[in-house]
């Protein structure tokens, strides 16, 4: 898993959260929904993506875009709900038995 903060174009309005995947569509959808609920973000959902991180890993992987930092609304929600967002990510991954990136 790789966690990022997205940016597009400065705005006061909300943009939301999204999670990219190549093979982990169910996990991406579940994590995006959990982040949206915990943070009060718009749920942009799981999205098929071809980012280098996703293409180059040998393990299942997702790339989380927690929110858009150039959205004043998203930035405020992120700061206010940081702990809940972190817990939501961990709980959603645990519930899917996610086995990405780490070797035991």
PDB file of N, CA and C in Angstrom:
ATOM      1  N   UNK A   1       0.849  -1.156   0.000  1.00  0.00           N
ATOM      2  CA  UNK A   1       0.000   0.000   0.000  1.00  0.00           C
ATOM      3  C   UNK A   1       0.898   1.222   0.000  1.00  0.00           C
ATOM      4  N   UNK A   2       0.453   2.218  -0.744  1.00  0.00           N
ATOM      5  CA  UNK A   2       1.139   3.498  -0.756  1.00  0.00           C
ATOM      6  C   UNK A   2       0.085   4.568  -0.484  1.00  0.00           C
ATOM      7  N   UNK A   3       0.390   5.488   0.419  1.00  0.00           N
ATOM      8  CA  UNK A   3      -0.573   6.509   0.821  1.00  0.00           C
ATOM      9  C   UNK A   3      -0.098   7.869   0.331  1.00  0.00           C
ATOM     10  N   UNK A   4      -0.995   8.572  -0.347  1.00  0.00           N
ATOM     11  CA  UNK A   4      -0.672   9.868  -0.931  1.00  0.00           C
ATOM     12  C   UNK A   4      -1.750  10.883  -0.585  1.00  0.00           C
ATOM     13  N   UNK A   5      -1.411  12.145  -0.785  1.00  0.00           N
ATOM     14  CA  UNK A   5      -2.377  13.235  -0.756  1.00  0.00           C
ATOM     15  C   UNK A   5      -2.419  13.802  -2.172  1.00  0.00           C
ATOM     16  N   UNK A   6      -3.601  13.905  -2.732  1.00  0.00           N
ATOM     17  CA  UNK A   6      -3.796  14.295  -4.117  1.00  0.00           C
ATOM     18  C   UNK A   6      -3.823  15.816  -4.261  1.00  0.00           C
ATOM     19  N   UNK A   7      -3.651  16.308  -5.493  1.00  0.00           N
ATOM     20  CA  UNK A   7      -3.789  17.719  -5.811  1.00  0.00           C
ATOM     21  C   UNK A   7      -4.206  17.841  -7.269  1.00  0.00           C
ATOM     22  N   UNK A   8      -5.006  18.845  -7.564  1.00  0.00           N
ATOM     23  CA  UNK A   8      -5.466  19.062  -8.936  1.00  0.00           C
ATOM     24  C   UNK A   8      -5.474  20.551  -9.258  1.00  0.00           C
ATOM     25  N   UNK A   9      -6.389  21.274  -8.635  1.00  0.00           N
ATOM     26  CA  UNK A   9      -6.528  22.706  -8.852  1.00  0.00           C
ATOM     27  C   UNK A   9      -7.148  23.304  -7.590  1.00  0.00           C
ATOM     28  N   UNK A  10      -6.552  24.350  -7.037  1.00  0.00           N
ATOM     29  CA  UNK A  10      -7.071  24.902  -5.786  1.00  0.00           C
ATOM     30  C   UNK A  10      -8.567  25.224  -5.851  1.00  0.00           C
ATOM     31  N   UNK A  11      -9.264  24.869  -4.776  1.00  0.00           N
ATOM     32  CA  UNK A  11     -10.696  25.123  -4.666  1.00  0.00           C
ATOM     33  C   UNK A  11     -11.082  25.152  -3.193  1.00  0.00           C
ATOM     34  N   UNK A  12     -12.176  25.796  -2.901  1.00  0.00           N
ATOM     35  CA  UNK A  12     -12.729  25.739  -1.553  1.00  0.00           C
ATOM     36  C   UNK A  12     -13.617  24.514  -1.395  1.00  0.00           C
ATOM     37  N   UNK A  13     -14.169  24.024  -2.494  1.00  0.00           N
ATOM     38  CA  UNK A  13     -15.112  22.919  -2.471  1.00  0.00           C
ATOM     39  C   UNK A  13     -14.447  21.572  -2.221  1.00  0.00           C
ATOM     40  N   UNK A  14     -15.250  20.584  -1.853  1.00  0.00           N
ATOM     41  CA  UNK A  14     -14.717  19.243  -1.591  1.00  0.00           C
ATOM     42  C   UNK A  14     -14.386  18.496  -2.877  1.00  0.00           C
ATOM     43  N   UNK A  15     -13.400  17.616  -2.809  1.00  0.00           N
ATOM     44  CA  UNK A  15     -13.052  16.760  -3.942  1.00  0.00           C
ATOM     45  C   UNK A  15     -13.216  15.285  -3.560  1.00  0.00           C
ATOM     46  N   UNK A  16     -12.672  14.873  -2.419  1.00  0.00           N
ATOM     47  CA  UNK A  16     -12.893  13.512  -1.965  1.00  0.00           C
ATOM     48  C   UNK A  16     -11.672  12.617  -1.944  1.00  0.00           C
ATOM     49  N   UNK A  17     -11.957  11.338  -1.742  1.00  0.00           N
ATOM     50  CA  UNK A  17     -10.925  10.302  -1.615  1.00  0.00           C
ATOM     51  C   UNK A  17     -11.097   9.279  -2.719  1.00  0.00           C
ATOM     52  N   UNK A  18      -9.988   8.658  -3.132  1.00  0.00           N
ATOM     53  CA  UNK A  18     -10.024   7.601  -4.143  1.00  0.00           C
ATOM     54  C   UNK A  18      -8.863   6.649  -3.901  1.00  0.00           C
ATOM     55  N   UNK A  19      -9.018   5.413  -4.344  1.00  0.00           N
ATOM     56  CA  UNK A  19      -7.984   4.399  -4.149  1.00  0.00           C
ATOM     57  C   UNK A  19      -7.771   3.672  -5.469  1.00  0.00           C
ATOM     58  N   UNK A  20      -6.533   3.660  -5.939  1.00  0.00           N
ATOM     59  CA  UNK A  20      -6.197   3.034  -7.217  1.00  0.00           C
ATOM     60  C   UNK A  20      -5.722   1.595  -7.026  1.00  0.00           C
ATOM     61  N   UNK A  21      -5.935   0.782  -8.032  1.00  0.00           N
ATOM     62  CA  UNK A  21      -5.578  -0.635  -7.993  1.00  0.00           C
ATOM     63  C   UNK A  21      -5.285  -1.144  -9.404  1.00  0.00           C
ATOM     64  N   UNK A  22      -4.621  -2.273  -9.494  1.00  0.00           N
ATOM     65  CA  UNK A  22      -4.516  -3.050 -10.727  1.00  0.00           C
ATOM     66  C   UNK A  22      -5.304  -4.343 -10.588  1.00  0.00           C
ATOM     67  N   UNK A  23      -5.140  -5.017  -9.453  1.00  0.00           N
ATOM     68  CA  UNK A  23      -5.808  -6.308  -9.261  1.00  0.00           C
ATOM     69  C   UNK A  23      -6.696  -6.348  -8.019  1.00  0.00           C
ATOM     70  N   UNK A  24      -6.628  -5.347  -7.183  1.00  0.00           N
ATOM     71  CA  UNK A  24      -7.304  -5.370  -5.879  1.00  0.00           C
ATOM     72  C   UNK A  24      -8.537  -4.471  -5.850  1.00  0.00           C
ATOM     73  N   UNK A  25      -9.450  -4.676  -6.771  1.00  0.00           N
ATOM     74  CA  UNK A  25     -10.629  -3.813  -6.903  1.00  0.00           C
ATOM     75  C   UNK A  25     -11.484  -3.813  -5.637  1.00  0.00           C
ATOM     76  N   UNK A  26     -11.728  -4.982  -5.064  1.00  0.00           N
ATOM     77  CA  UNK A  26     -12.576  -5.050  -3.865  1.00  0.00           C
ATOM     78  C   UNK A  26     -11.928  -4.337  -2.689  1.00  0.00           C
ATOM     79  N   UNK A  27     -10.631  -4.524  -2.525  1.00  0.00           N
ATOM     80  CA  UNK A  27      -9.917  -3.860  -1.439  1.00  0.00           C
ATOM     81  C   UNK A  27      -9.940  -2.346  -1.640  1.00  0.00           C
ATOM     82  N   UNK A  28      -9.680  -1.892  -2.860  1.00  0.00           N
ATOM     83  CA  UNK A  28      -9.679  -0.457  -3.146  1.00  0.00           C
ATOM     84  C   UNK A  28     -11.037   0.156  -2.845  1.00  0.00           C
ATOM     85  N   UNK A  29     -12.088  -0.500  -3.260  1.00  0.00           N
ATOM     86  CA  UNK A  29     -13.444   0.004  -3.024  1.00  0.00           C
ATOM     87  C   UNK A  29     -13.745   0.088  -1.530  1.00  0.00           C
ATOM     88  N   UNK A  30     -13.367  -0.947  -0.796  1.00  0.00           N
ATOM     89  CA  UNK A  30     -13.630  -0.993   0.647  1.00  0.00           C
ATOM     90  C   UNK A  30     -12.838   0.093   1.384  1.00  0.00           C
ATOM     91  N   UNK A  31     -11.577   0.276   1.030  1.00  0.00           N
ATOM     92  CA  UNK A  31     -10.744   1.279   1.693  1.00  0.00           C
ATOM     93  C   UNK A  31     -11.244   2.689   1.374  1.00  0.00           C
ATOM     94  N   UNK A  32     -11.599   2.938   0.119  1.00  0.00           N
ATOM     95  CA  UNK A  32     -12.116   4.245  -0.259  1.00  0.00           C
ATOM     96  C   UNK A  32     -13.387   4.582   0.516  1.00  0.00           C
ATOM     97  N   UNK A  33     -14.274   3.623   0.621  1.00  0.00           N
ATOM     98  CA  UNK A  33     -15.519   3.819   1.364  1.00  0.00           C
ATOM     99  C   UNK A  33     -15.237   4.105   2.839  1.00  0.00           C
ATOM    100  N   UNK A  34     -14.302   3.377   3.425  1.00  0.00           N
ATOM    101  CA  UNK A  34     -13.961   3.559   4.842  1.00  0.00           C
ATOM    102  C   UNK A  34     -13.353   4.934   5.093  1.00  0.00           C
ATOM    103  N   UNK A  35     -12.463   5.372   4.215  1.00  0.00           N
ATOM    104  CA  UNK A  35     -11.844   6.695   4.369  1.00  0.00           C
ATOM    105  C   UNK A  35     -12.899   7.781   4.239  1.00  0.00           C
ATOM    106  N   UNK A  36     -13.777   7.644   3.249  1.00  0.00           N
ATOM    107  CA  UNK A  36     -14.826   8.641   3.036  1.00  0.00           C
ATOM    108  C   UNK A  36     -15.716   8.761   4.270  1.00  0.00           C
ATOM    109  N   UNK A  37     -16.098   7.633   4.811  1.00  0.00           N
ATOM    110  CA  UNK A  37     -16.975   7.630   5.992  1.00  0.00           C
ATOM    111  C   UNK A  37     -16.267   8.247   7.198  1.00  0.00           C
ATOM    112  N   UNK A  38     -15.034   7.845   7.446  1.00  0.00           N
ATOM    113  CA  UNK A  38     -14.302   8.329   8.623  1.00  0.00           C
ATOM    114  C   UNK A  38     -13.926   9.803   8.517  1.00  0.00           C
ATOM    115  N   UNK A  39     -13.611  10.237   7.303  1.00  0.00           N
ATOM    116  CA  UNK A  39     -13.135  11.604   7.125  1.00  0.00           C
ATOM    117  C   UNK A  39     -14.190  12.606   6.714  1.00  0.00           C
ATOM    118  N   UNK A  40     -15.373  12.109   6.330  1.00  0.00           N
ATOM    119  CA  UNK A  40     -16.410  13.007   5.841  1.00  0.00           C
ATOM    120  C   UNK A  40     -16.184  13.440   4.405  1.00  0.00           C
ATOM    121  N   UNK A  41     -15.362  12.672   3.681  1.00  0.00           N
ATOM    122  CA  UNK A  41     -15.033  12.999   2.293  1.00  0.00           C
ATOM    123  C   UNK A  41     -16.066  12.437   1.314  1.00  0.00           C
ATOM    124  N   UNK A  42     -16.094  13.003   0.137  1.00  0.00           N
ATOM    125  CA  UNK A  42     -16.828  12.425  -0.984  1.00  0.00           C
ATOM    126  C   UNK A  42     -16.084  11.146  -1.387  1.00  0.00           C
ATOM    127  N   UNK A  43     -16.821  10.065  -1.593  1.00  0.00           N
ATOM    128  CA  UNK A  43     -16.195   8.793  -1.978  1.00  0.00           C
ATOM    129  C   UNK A  43     -16.105   8.717  -3.497  1.00  0.00           C
ATOM    130  N   UNK A  44     -14.886   8.870  -4.022  1.00  0.00           N
ATOM    131  CA  UNK A  44     -14.653   8.779  -5.465  1.00  0.00           C
ATOM    132  C   UNK A  44     -14.428   7.323  -5.889  1.00  0.00           C
ATOM    133  N   UNK A  45     -14.269   6.437  -4.892  1.00  0.00           N
ATOM    134  CA  UNK A  45     -14.232   5.004  -5.142  1.00  0.00           C
ATOM    135  C   UNK A  45     -12.887   4.421  -5.502  1.00  0.00           C
ATOM    136  N   UNK A  46     -12.941   3.133  -5.828  1.00  0.00           N
ATOM    137  CA  UNK A  46     -11.770   2.424  -6.319  1.00  0.00           C
ATOM    138  C   UNK A  46     -11.640   2.683  -7.810  1.00  0.00           C
ATOM    139  N   UNK A  47     -10.419   2.904  -8.268  1.00  0.00           N
ATOM    140  CA  UNK A  47     -10.191   3.237  -9.678  1.00  0.00           C
ATOM    141  C   UNK A  47      -9.025   2.420 -10.219  1.00  0.00           C
ATOM    142  N   UNK A  48      -9.221   1.877 -11.392  1.00  0.00           N
ATOM    143  CA  UNK A  48      -8.141   1.169 -12.068  1.00  0.00           C
ATOM    144  C   UNK A  48      -7.056   2.177 -12.432  1.00  0.00           C
ATOM    145  N   UNK A  49      -5.824   1.882 -12.078  1.00  0.00           N
ATOM    146  CA  UNK A  49      -4.726   2.810 -12.348  1.00  0.00           C
ATOM    147  C   UNK A  49      -3.485   2.080 -12.807  1.00  0.00           C
ATOM    148  N   UNK A  50      -2.619   2.790 -13.505  1.00  0.00           N
ATOM    149  CA  UNK A  50      -1.394   2.159 -14.006  1.00  0.00           C
ATOM    150  C   UNK A  50      -0.148   2.872 -13.490  1.00  0.00           C
ATOM    151  N   UNK A  51      -0.225   3.395 -12.293  1.00  0.00           N
ATOM    152  CA  UNK A  51       0.929   4.070 -11.689  1.00  0.00           C
ATOM    153  C   UNK A  51       2.087   3.091 -11.533  1.00  0.00           C
ATOM    154  N   UNK A  52       3.309   3.607 -11.585  1.00  0.00           N
ATOM    155  CA  UNK A  52       4.505   2.768 -11.485  1.00  0.00           C
ATOM    156  C   UNK A  52       4.470   1.895 -10.233  1.00  0.00           C
ATOM    157  N   UNK A  53       4.056   2.459  -9.118  1.00  0.00           N
ATOM    158  CA  UNK A  53       3.992   1.686  -7.874  1.00  0.00           C
ATOM    159  C   UNK A  53       3.134   0.431  -8.064  1.00  0.00           C
ATOM    160  N   UNK A  54       2.005   0.556  -8.707  1.00  0.00           N
ATOM    161  CA  UNK A  54       1.104  -0.582  -8.900  1.00  0.00           C
ATOM    162  C   UNK A  54       1.662  -1.576  -9.914  1.00  0.00           C
ATOM    163  N   UNK A  55       2.287  -1.075 -10.953  1.00  0.00           N
ATOM    164  CA  UNK A  55       2.832  -1.964 -12.010  1.00  0.00           C
ATOM    165  C   UNK A  55       4.069  -2.721 -11.558  1.00  0.00           C
ATOM    166  N   UNK A  56       4.868  -2.124 -10.691  1.00  0.00           N
ATOM    167  CA  UNK A  56       6.175  -2.699 -10.368  1.00  0.00           C
ATOM    168  C   UNK A  56       6.201  -3.603  -9.145  1.00  0.00           C
ATOM    169  N   UNK A  57       5.123  -3.673  -8.416  1.00  0.00           N
ATOM    170  CA  UNK A  57       5.119  -4.538  -7.239  1.00  0.00           C
ATOM    171  C   UNK A  57       4.760  -5.967  -7.634  1.00  0.00           C
ATOM    172  N   UNK A  58       5.345  -6.922  -6.948  1.00  0.00           N
ATOM    173  CA  UNK A  58       5.021  -8.323  -7.178  1.00  0.00           C
ATOM    174  C   UNK A  58       3.886  -8.780  -6.268  1.00  0.00           C
ATOM    175  N   UNK A  59       3.582  -7.995  -5.252  1.00  0.00           N
ATOM    176  CA  UNK A  59       2.524  -8.309  -4.294  1.00  0.00           C
ATOM    177  C   UNK A  59       1.267  -7.527  -4.673  1.00  0.00           C
ATOM    178  N   UNK A  60       0.118  -7.951  -4.148  1.00  0.00           N
ATOM    179  CA  UNK A  60      -1.091  -7.145  -4.339  1.00  0.00           C
ATOM    180  C   UNK A  60      -0.848  -5.745  -3.773  1.00  0.00           C
ATOM    181  N   UNK A  61      -1.374  -4.721  -4.446  1.00  0.00           N
ATOM    182  CA  UNK A  61      -1.092  -3.356  -4.003  1.00  0.00           C
ATOM    183  C   UNK A  61      -2.262  -2.429  -4.294  1.00  0.00           C
ATOM    184  N   UNK A  62      -2.368  -1.405  -3.457  1.00  0.00           N
ATOM    185  CA  UNK A  62      -3.296  -0.311  -3.695  1.00  0.00           C
ATOM    186  C   UNK A  62      -2.555   0.992  -3.448  1.00  0.00           C
ATOM    187  N   UNK A  63      -3.013   2.056  -4.122  1.00  0.00           N
ATOM    188  CA  UNK A  63      -2.451   3.381  -3.944  1.00  0.00           C
ATOM    189  C   UNK A  63      -3.586   4.275  -3.453  1.00  0.00           C
ATOM    190  N   UNK A  64      -3.479   4.717  -2.219  1.00  0.00           N
ATOM    191  CA  UNK A  64      -4.526   5.506  -1.576  1.00  0.00           C
ATOM    192  C   UNK A  64      -4.263   6.990  -1.778  1.00  0.00           C
ATOM    193  N   UNK A  65      -5.246   7.689  -2.314  1.00  0.00           N
ATOM    194  CA  UNK A  65      -5.231   9.155  -2.382  1.00  0.00           C
ATOM    195  C   UNK A  65      -6.238   9.619  -1.329  1.00  0.00           C
ATOM    196  N   UNK A  66      -5.747   9.898  -0.134  1.00  0.00           N
ATOM    197  CA  UNK A  66      -6.620  10.173   1.010  1.00  0.00           C
ATOM    198  C   UNK A  66      -7.570  11.329   0.726  1.00  0.00           C
ATOM    199  N   UNK A  67      -7.046  12.422   0.183  1.00  0.00           N
ATOM    200  CA  UNK A  67      -7.871  13.587  -0.123  1.00  0.00           C
ATOM    201  C   UNK A  67      -7.076  14.513  -1.031  1.00  0.00           C
ATOM    202  N   UNK A  68      -7.712  15.595  -1.436  1.00  0.00           N
ATOM    203  CA  UNK A  68      -7.058  16.612  -2.259  1.00  0.00           C
ATOM    204  C   UNK A  68      -6.608  17.752  -1.344  1.00  0.00           C
ATOM    205  N   UNK A  69      -5.301  17.929  -1.227  1.00  0.00           N
ATOM    206  CA  UNK A  69      -4.783  18.947  -0.310  1.00  0.00           C
ATOM    207  C   UNK A  69      -4.967  20.362  -0.841  1.00  0.00           C
ATOM    208  N   UNK A  70      -5.311  20.500  -2.128  1.00  0.00           N
ATOM    209  CA  UNK A  70      -5.584  21.831  -2.663  1.00  0.00           C
ATOM    210  C   UNK A  70      -7.072  22.183  -2.587  1.00  0.00           C
ATOM    211  N   UNK A  71      -7.837  21.339  -1.918  1.00  0.00           N
ATOM    212  CA  UNK A  71      -9.234  21.628  -1.589  1.00  0.00           C
ATOM    213  C   UNK A  71      -9.278  22.061  -0.129  1.00  0.00           C
ATOM    214  N   UNK A  72      -9.726  23.268   0.112  1.00  0.00           N
ATOM    215  CA  UNK A  72      -9.790  23.767   1.493  1.00  0.00           C
ATOM    216  C   UNK A  72     -10.679  22.874   2.347  1.00  0.00           C
ATOM    217  N   UNK A  73     -11.778  22.394   1.781  1.00  0.00           N
ATOM    218  CA  UNK A  73     -12.685  21.522   2.526  1.00  0.00           C
ATOM    219  C   UNK A  73     -12.015  20.204   2.873  1.00  0.00           C
ATOM    220  N   UNK A  74     -11.387  19.557   1.884  1.00  0.00           N
ATOM    221  CA  UNK A  74     -10.719  18.282   2.130  1.00  0.00           C
ATOM    222  C   UNK A  74      -9.587  18.431   3.147  1.00  0.00           C
ATOM    223  N   UNK A  75      -8.807  19.495   3.022  1.00  0.00           N
ATOM    224  CA  UNK A  75      -7.688  19.706   3.945  1.00  0.00           C
ATOM    225  C   UNK A  75      -8.182  19.857   5.380  1.00  0.00           C
ATOM    226  N   UNK A  76      -9.282  20.577   5.563  1.00  0.00           N
ATOM    227  CA  UNK A  76      -9.852  20.752   6.895  1.00  0.00           C
ATOM    228  C   UNK A  76     -10.362  19.417   7.434  1.00  0.00           C
ATOM    229  N   UNK A  77     -11.046  18.647   6.590  1.00  0.00           N
ATOM    230  CA  UNK A  77     -11.558  17.344   7.021  1.00  0.00           C
ATOM    231  C   UNK A  77     -10.414  16.399   7.385  1.00  0.00           C
ATOM    232  N   UNK A  78      -9.344  16.422   6.593  1.00  0.00           N
ATOM    233  CA  UNK A  78      -8.170  15.583   6.854  1.00  0.00           C
ATOM    234  C   UNK A  78      -7.565  15.921   8.213  1.00  0.00           C
ATOM    235  N   UNK A  79      -7.363  17.198   8.455  1.00  0.00           N
ATOM    236  CA  UNK A  79      -6.758  17.622   9.720  1.00  0.00           C
ATOM    237  C   UNK A  79      -7.665  17.282  10.909  1.00  0.00           C
ATOM    238  N   UNK A  80      -8.940  17.501  10.769  1.00  0.00           N
ATOM    239  CA  UNK A  80      -9.898  17.258  11.846  1.00  0.00           C
ATOM    240  C   UNK A  80     -10.066  15.777  12.152  1.00  0.00           C
ATOM    241  N   UNK A  81     -10.022  14.937  11.126  1.00  0.00           N
ATOM    242  CA  UNK A  81     -10.361  13.517  11.268  1.00  0.00           C
ATOM    243  C   UNK A  81      -9.179  12.577  11.042  1.00  0.00           C
ATOM    244  N   UNK A  82      -7.959  13.079  11.188  1.00  0.00           N
ATOM    245  CA  UNK A  82      -6.764  12.296  10.878  1.00  0.00           C
ATOM    246  C   UNK A  82      -6.737  10.929  11.571  1.00  0.00           C
ATOM    247  N   UNK A  83      -6.941  10.909  12.870  1.00  0.00           N
ATOM    248  CA  UNK A  83      -6.874   9.640  13.612  1.00  0.00           C
ATOM    249  C   UNK A  83      -7.942   8.662  13.130  1.00  0.00           C
ATOM    250  N   UNK A  84      -9.145   9.146  12.902  1.00  0.00           N
ATOM    251  CA  UNK A  84     -10.228   8.281  12.422  1.00  0.00           C
ATOM    252  C   UNK A  84      -9.932   7.747  11.028  1.00  0.00           C
ATOM    253  N   UNK A  85      -9.318   8.560  10.185  1.00  0.00           N
ATOM    254  CA  UNK A  85      -8.951   8.125   8.831  1.00  0.00           C
ATOM    255  C   UNK A  85      -7.910   7.010   8.903  1.00  0.00           C
ATOM    256  N   UNK A  86      -6.894   7.202   9.727  1.00  0.00           N
ATOM    257  CA  UNK A  86      -5.852   6.177   9.887  1.00  0.00           C
ATOM    258  C   UNK A  86      -6.446   4.862  10.379  1.00  0.00           C
ATOM    259  N   UNK A  87      -7.311   4.941  11.367  1.00  0.00           N
ATOM    260  CA  UNK A  87      -7.972   3.745  11.909  1.00  0.00           C
ATOM    261  C   UNK A  87      -8.839   3.086  10.842  1.00  0.00           C
ATOM    262  N   UNK A  88      -9.542   3.879  10.050  1.00  0.00           N
ATOM    263  CA  UNK A  88     -10.409   3.336   8.999  1.00  0.00           C
ATOM    264  C   UNK A  88      -9.604   2.569   7.955  1.00  0.00           C
ATOM    265  N   UNK A  89      -8.449   3.097   7.586  1.00  0.00           N
ATOM    266  CA  UNK A  89      -7.590   2.399   6.624  1.00  0.00           C
ATOM    267  C   UNK A  89      -7.142   1.061   7.202  1.00  0.00           C
ATOM    268  N   UNK A  90      -6.639   1.090   8.429  1.00  0.00           N
ATOM    269  CA  UNK A  90      -6.172  -0.149   9.075  1.00  0.00           C
ATOM    270  C   UNK A  90      -7.296  -1.166   9.210  1.00  0.00           C
ATOM    271  N   UNK A  91      -8.461  -0.731   9.662  1.00  0.00           N
ATOM    272  CA  UNK A  91      -9.586  -1.649   9.847  1.00  0.00           C
ATOM    273  C   UNK A  91     -10.068  -2.230   8.522  1.00  0.00           C
ATOM    274  N   UNK A  92     -10.132  -1.399   7.485  1.00  0.00           N
ATOM    275  CA  UNK A  92     -10.585  -1.886   6.176  1.00  0.00           C
ATOM    276  C   UNK A  92      -9.607  -2.908   5.610  1.00  0.00           C
ATOM    277  N   UNK A  93      -8.312  -2.652   5.764  1.00  0.00           N
ATOM    278  CA  UNK A  93      -7.319  -3.612   5.274  1.00  0.00           C
ATOM    279  C   UNK A  93      -7.367  -4.916   6.067  1.00  0.00           C
ATOM    280  N   UNK A  94      -7.509  -4.805   7.370  1.00  0.00           N
ATOM    281  CA  UNK A  94      -7.593  -6.004   8.210  1.00  0.00           C
ATOM    282  C   UNK A  94      -8.820  -6.836   7.842  1.00  0.00           C
ATOM    283  N   UNK A  95      -9.923  -6.184   7.541  1.00  0.00           N
ATOM    284  CA  UNK A  95     -11.164  -6.884   7.199  1.00  0.00           C
ATOM    285  C   UNK A  95     -11.086  -7.594   5.851  1.00  0.00           C
ATOM    286  N   UNK A  96     -10.167  -7.182   4.982  1.00  0.00           N
ATOM    287  CA  UNK A  96     -10.039  -7.822   3.672  1.00  0.00           C
ATOM    288  C   UNK A  96      -8.892  -8.825   3.640  1.00  0.00           C
ATOM    289  N   UNK A  97      -8.207  -8.996   4.770  1.00  0.00           N
ATOM    290  CA  UNK A  97      -7.028  -9.863   4.836  1.00  0.00           C
ATOM    291  C   UNK A  97      -5.987  -9.449   3.805  1.00  0.00           C
ATOM    292  N   UNK A  98      -5.808  -8.161   3.641  1.00  0.00           N
ATOM    293  CA  UNK A  98      -4.871  -7.593   2.679  1.00  0.00           C
ATOM    294  C   UNK A  98      -3.466  -8.113   2.954  1.00  0.00           C
ATOM    295  N   UNK A  99      -2.801  -8.569   1.920  1.00  0.00           N
ATOM    296  CA  UNK A  99      -1.440  -9.103   2.044  1.00  0.00           C
ATOM    297  C   UNK A  99      -0.495  -8.424   1.072  1.00  0.00           C
ATOM    298  N   UNK A 100      -0.534  -7.140   1.001  1.00  0.00           N
ATOM    299  CA  UNK A 100       0.325  -6.392   0.082  1.00  0.00           C
ATOM    300  C   UNK A 100       1.720  -6.228   0.635  1.00  0.00           C
ATOM    301  N   UNK A 101       2.611  -5.783  -0.212  1.00  0.00           N
ATOM    302  CA  UNK A 101       3.945  -5.322  -0.012  1.00  0.00           C
ATOM    303  C   UNK A 101       4.897  -5.806   1.047  1.00  0.00           C
ATOM    304  N   UNK A 102       4.515  -6.346   2.161  1.00  0.00           N
ATOM    305  CA  UNK A 102       5.465  -6.712   3.223  1.00  0.00           C
ATOM    306  C   UNK A 102       5.760  -8.214   3.195  1.00  0.00           C
ATOM    307  N   UNK A 103       7.006  -8.537   3.306  1.00  0.00           N
ATOM    308  CA  UNK A 103       7.399  -9.950   3.426  1.00  0.00           C
ATOM    309  C   UNK A 103       7.577 -10.279   4.900  1.00  0.00           C
ATOM    310  N   UNK A 104       7.030 -11.398   5.320  1.00  0.00           N
ATOM    311  CA  UNK A 104       7.153 -11.811   6.734  1.00  0.00           C
ATOM    312  C   UNK A 104       8.497 -12.443   7.006  1.00  0.00           C
TER     313      UNK A 104
END
